[in-house]
Amino acid sequence: MTSINSICIYCGSSPGRLDAYASAAFALAESLVSRNIRLVYGGASIGIMGMVADRVLKLGGQAVGVIPKALAHKEVAHHHLTELHVTQSMHERKMLMAELSDGFIALPGGIGTLGKR
């Protein structure tokens, strides 16, 4: 059986329309930390992305963000992460997120969450 050390979460940089989205983000963060699984995600401090990362960090877990340089300002890059990687392109972002992760989970988000690789 393969050990899972890092999970990549694809989700939105907006909070979404339903409170259930935040509840799911918090529950997922708690589940990751309780299993000592590192979060890898899109690197934003806002929206569902920020909610998951903030909760993981608050609970003592590790959160690794990967954000393209062009979106670092627009998505408000999270500067209190365990690690923050700034890439040159969206393609490089997705590739690095995949390299850093053992698996993937998608939470509600926009077209980016559906994933162009």
C-alpha atoms as a PDB file:
ATOM      1  CA  MET A   1       0.000   0.000   0.000  1.00  0.00           C
ATOM      2  CA  THR A   2       1.354   3.407  -0.990  1.00  0.00           C
ATOM      3  CA  SER A   3       1.628   6.112   1.657  1.00  0.00           C
ATOM      4  CA  ILE A   4      -0.030   9.458   0.962  1.00  0.00           C
ATOM      5  CA  ASN A   5       2.020  12.386   2.230  1.00  0.00           C
ATOM      6  CA  SER A   6       0.589  15.274   0.182  1.00  0.00           C
ATOM      7  CA  ILE A   7      -2.799  15.956  -1.374  1.00  0.00           C
ATOM      8  CA  CYS A   8      -3.407  18.629  -3.989  1.00  0.00           C
ATOM      9  CA  ILE A   9      -6.700  20.466  -3.568  1.00  0.00           C
ATOM     10  CA  TYR A  10      -8.180  22.212  -6.590  1.00  0.00           C
ATOM     11  CA  CYS A  11     -10.696  24.861  -5.530  1.00  0.00           C
ATOM     12  CA  GLY A  12     -11.806  28.427  -6.118  1.00  0.00           C
ATOM     13  CA  SER A  13     -10.331  31.772  -5.180  1.00  0.00           C
ATOM     14  CA  SER A  14     -13.841  32.963  -4.333  1.00  0.00           C
ATOM     15  CA  PRO A  15     -15.911  31.812  -1.352  1.00  0.00           C
ATOM     16  CA  GLY A  16     -18.712  30.477  -3.537  1.00  0.00           C
ATOM     17  CA  ARG A  17     -22.428  30.962  -3.095  1.00  0.00           C
ATOM     18  CA  LEU A  18     -23.170  28.327  -0.473  1.00  0.00           C
ATOM     19  CA  ASP A  19     -22.056  28.128   3.167  1.00  0.00           C
ATOM     20  CA  ALA A  20     -21.656  24.396   2.594  1.00  0.00           C
ATOM     21  CA  TYR A  21     -18.526  25.154   0.537  1.00  0.00           C
ATOM     22  CA  ALA A  22     -16.755  26.672   3.547  1.00  0.00           C
ATOM     23  CA  SER A  23     -17.939  23.811   5.764  1.00  0.00           C
ATOM     24  CA  ALA A  24     -16.532  21.276   3.304  1.00  0.00           C
ATOM     25  CA  ALA A  25     -13.227  23.185   3.104  1.00  0.00           C
ATOM     26  CA  PHE A  26     -12.875  23.207   6.896  1.00  0.00           C
ATOM     27  CA  ALA A  27     -13.769  19.511   7.212  1.00  0.00           C
ATOM     28  CA  LEU A  28     -11.269  18.580   4.530  1.00  0.00           C
ATOM     29  CA  ALA A  29      -8.535  20.649   6.204  1.00  0.00           C
ATOM     30  CA  GLU A  30      -9.234  18.930   9.525  1.00  0.00           C
ATOM     31  CA  SER A  31      -9.114  15.520   7.863  1.00  0.00           C
ATOM     32  CA  LEU A  32      -5.759  16.265   6.220  1.00  0.00           C
ATOM     33  CA  VAL A  33      -4.155  17.505   9.428  1.00  0.00           C
ATOM     34  CA  SER A  34      -5.501  14.592  11.484  1.00  0.00           C
ATOM     35  CA  ARG A  35      -3.815  12.220   9.013  1.00  0.00           C
ATOM     36  CA  ASN A  36      -0.584  14.250   8.823  1.00  0.00           C
ATOM     37  CA  ILE A  37      -1.123  14.912   5.111  1.00  0.00           C
ATOM     38  CA  ARG A  38       0.403  18.066   3.639  1.00  0.00           C
ATOM     39  CA  LEU A  39      -1.861  20.398   1.651  1.00  0.00           C
ATOM     40  CA  VAL A  40      -0.737  21.466  -1.830  1.00  0.00           C
ATOM     41  CA  TYR A  41      -2.999  24.056  -3.451  1.00  0.00           C
ATOM     42  CA  GLY A  42      -3.173  27.145  -5.681  1.00  0.00           C
ATOM     43  CA  GLY A  43      -1.502  29.525  -3.235  1.00  0.00           C
ATOM     44  CA  ALA A  44      -4.202  32.173  -2.737  1.00  0.00           C
ATOM     45  CA  SER A  45      -5.167  33.691   0.616  1.00  0.00           C
ATOM     46  CA  ILE A  46      -8.776  34.299  -0.442  1.00  0.00           C
ATOM     47  CA  GLY A  47     -11.834  32.215  -1.249  1.00  0.00           C
ATOM     48  CA  ILE A  48     -12.082  28.490  -0.704  1.00  0.00           C
ATOM     49  CA  MET A  49      -8.308  28.295  -1.305  1.00  0.00           C
ATOM     50  CA  GLY A  50      -7.578  30.598   1.600  1.00  0.00           C
ATOM     51  CA  MET A  51     -10.117  28.884   3.843  1.00  0.00           C
ATOM     52  CA  VAL A  52      -8.514  25.461   3.408  1.00  0.00           C
ATOM     53  CA  ALA A  53      -4.967  26.790   3.859  1.00  0.00           C
ATOM     54  CA  ASP A  54      -5.818  28.938   6.882  1.00  0.00           C
ATOM     55  CA  ARG A  55      -7.548  26.041   8.623  1.00  0.00           C
ATOM     56  CA  VAL A  56      -4.682  23.631   7.915  1.00  0.00           C
ATOM     57  CA  LEU A  57      -2.175  26.132   9.309  1.00  0.00           C
ATOM     58  CA  LYS A  58      -4.321  26.940  12.345  1.00  0.00           C
ATOM     59  CA  LEU A  59      -4.459  23.235  13.177  1.00  0.00           C
ATOM     60  CA  GLY A  60      -0.676  22.906  12.901  1.00  0.00           C
ATOM     61  CA  GLY A  61      -0.508  21.291   9.469  1.00  0.00           C
ATOM     62  CA  GLN A  62       1.598  22.123   6.445  1.00  0.00           C
ATOM     63  CA  ALA A  63       0.278  24.155   3.506  1.00  0.00           C
ATOM     64  CA  VAL A  64       2.214  24.533   0.256  1.00  0.00           C
ATOM     65  CA  GLY A  65       1.000  27.082  -2.285  1.00  0.00           C
ATOM     66  CA  VAL A  66       1.805  27.214  -5.988  1.00  0.00           C
ATOM     67  CA  ILE A  67       0.772  30.368  -7.812  1.00  0.00           C
ATOM     68  CA  PRO A  68       1.739  31.885 -11.169  1.00  0.00           C
ATOM     69  CA  LYS A  69       3.519  35.236 -11.040  1.00  0.00           C
ATOM     70  CA  ALA A  70       0.724  36.892 -13.054  1.00  0.00           C
ATOM     71  CA  LEU A  71      -1.907  35.797 -10.513  1.00  0.00           C
ATOM     72  CA  ALA A  72       0.124  36.360  -7.358  1.00  0.00           C
ATOM     73  CA  HIS A  73      -1.277  39.873  -6.990  1.00  0.00           C
ATOM     74  CA  LYS A  74      -4.730  39.222  -8.469  1.00  0.00           C
ATOM     75  CA  GLU A  75      -5.383  36.153  -6.315  1.00  0.00           C
ATOM     76  CA  VAL A  76      -3.605  37.689  -3.346  1.00  0.00           C
ATOM     77  CA  ALA A  77      -0.868  35.144  -2.732  1.00  0.00           C
ATOM     78  CA  HIS A  78      -0.862  33.695   0.776  1.00  0.00           C
ATOM     79  CA  HIS A  79       2.381  34.770   2.460  1.00  0.00           C
ATOM     80  CA  HIS A  80       2.083  32.736   5.685  1.00  0.00           C
ATOM     81  CA  LEU A  81       2.371  29.267   4.173  1.00  0.00           C
ATOM     82  CA  THR A  82       4.832  26.511   4.945  1.00  0.00           C
ATOM     83  CA  GLU A  83       6.093  27.029   1.369  1.00  0.00           C
ATOM     84  CA  LEU A  84       5.032  29.330  -1.487  1.00  0.00           C
ATOM     85  CA  HIS A  85       6.200  28.591  -5.029  1.00  0.00           C
ATOM     86  CA  VAL A  86       5.742  31.305  -7.678  1.00  0.00           C
ATOM     87  CA  THR A  87       5.741  29.929 -11.220  1.00  0.00           C
ATOM     88  CA  GLN A  88       6.032  31.639 -14.592  1.00  0.00           C
ATOM     89  CA  SER A  89       2.844  30.157 -16.082  1.00  0.00           C
ATOM     90  CA  MET A  90      -0.399  28.373 -15.308  1.00  0.00           C
ATOM     91  CA  HIS A  91       0.991  25.276 -17.029  1.00  0.00           C
ATOM     92  CA  GLU A  92       4.074  25.313 -14.789  1.00  0.00           C
ATOM     93  CA  ARG A  93       1.761  25.789 -11.769  1.00  0.00           C
ATOM     94  CA  LYS A  94      -0.300  22.697 -12.602  1.00  0.00           C
ATOM     95  CA  MET A  95       2.808  20.633 -13.313  1.00  0.00           C
ATOM     96  CA  LEU A  96       4.468  21.599 -10.022  1.00  0.00           C
ATOM     97  CA  MET A  97       1.269  20.955  -8.069  1.00  0.00           C
ATOM     98  CA  ALA A  98       1.166  17.464  -9.596  1.00  0.00           C
ATOM     99  CA  GLU A  99       4.854  16.827  -8.838  1.00  0.00           C
ATOM    100  CA  LEU A 100       4.393  17.830  -5.180  1.00  0.00           C
ATOM    101  CA  SER A 101       1.292  15.665  -4.652  1.00  0.00           C
ATOM    102  CA  ASP A 102       0.364  12.032  -4.155  1.00  0.00           C
ATOM    103  CA  GLY A 103      -3.310  12.557  -5.000  1.00  0.00           C
ATOM    104  CA  PHE A 104      -5.954  15.142  -5.899  1.00  0.00           C
ATOM    105  CA  ILE A 105      -9.286  16.406  -4.580  1.00  0.00           C
ATOM    106  CA  ALA A 106     -11.521  19.010  -6.256  1.00  0.00           C
ATOM    107  CA  LEU A 107     -13.732  21.309  -4.201  1.00  0.00           C
ATOM    108  CA  PRO A 108     -16.168  23.790  -5.764  1.00  0.00           C
ATOM    109  CA  GLY A 109     -14.446  26.367  -7.920  1.00  0.00           C
ATOM    110  CA  GLY A 110     -14.394  27.907 -11.366  1.00  0.00           C
ATOM    111  CA  ILE A 111     -13.071  26.831 -14.742  1.00  0.00           C
ATOM    112  CA  GLY A 112      -9.512  26.572 -13.374  1.00  0.00           C
ATOM    113  CA  THR A 113     -10.665  23.936 -10.886  1.00  0.00           C
ATOM    114  CA  LEU A 114     -11.930  21.780 -13.754  1.00  0.00           C
ATOM    115  CA  GLY A 115      -8.354  21.817 -14.876  1.00  0.00           C
ATOM    116  CA  LYS A 116      -6.472  22.693 -17.951  1.00  0.00           C
ATOM    117  CA  ARG A 117      -3.223  20.809 -17.591  1.00  0.00           C
END
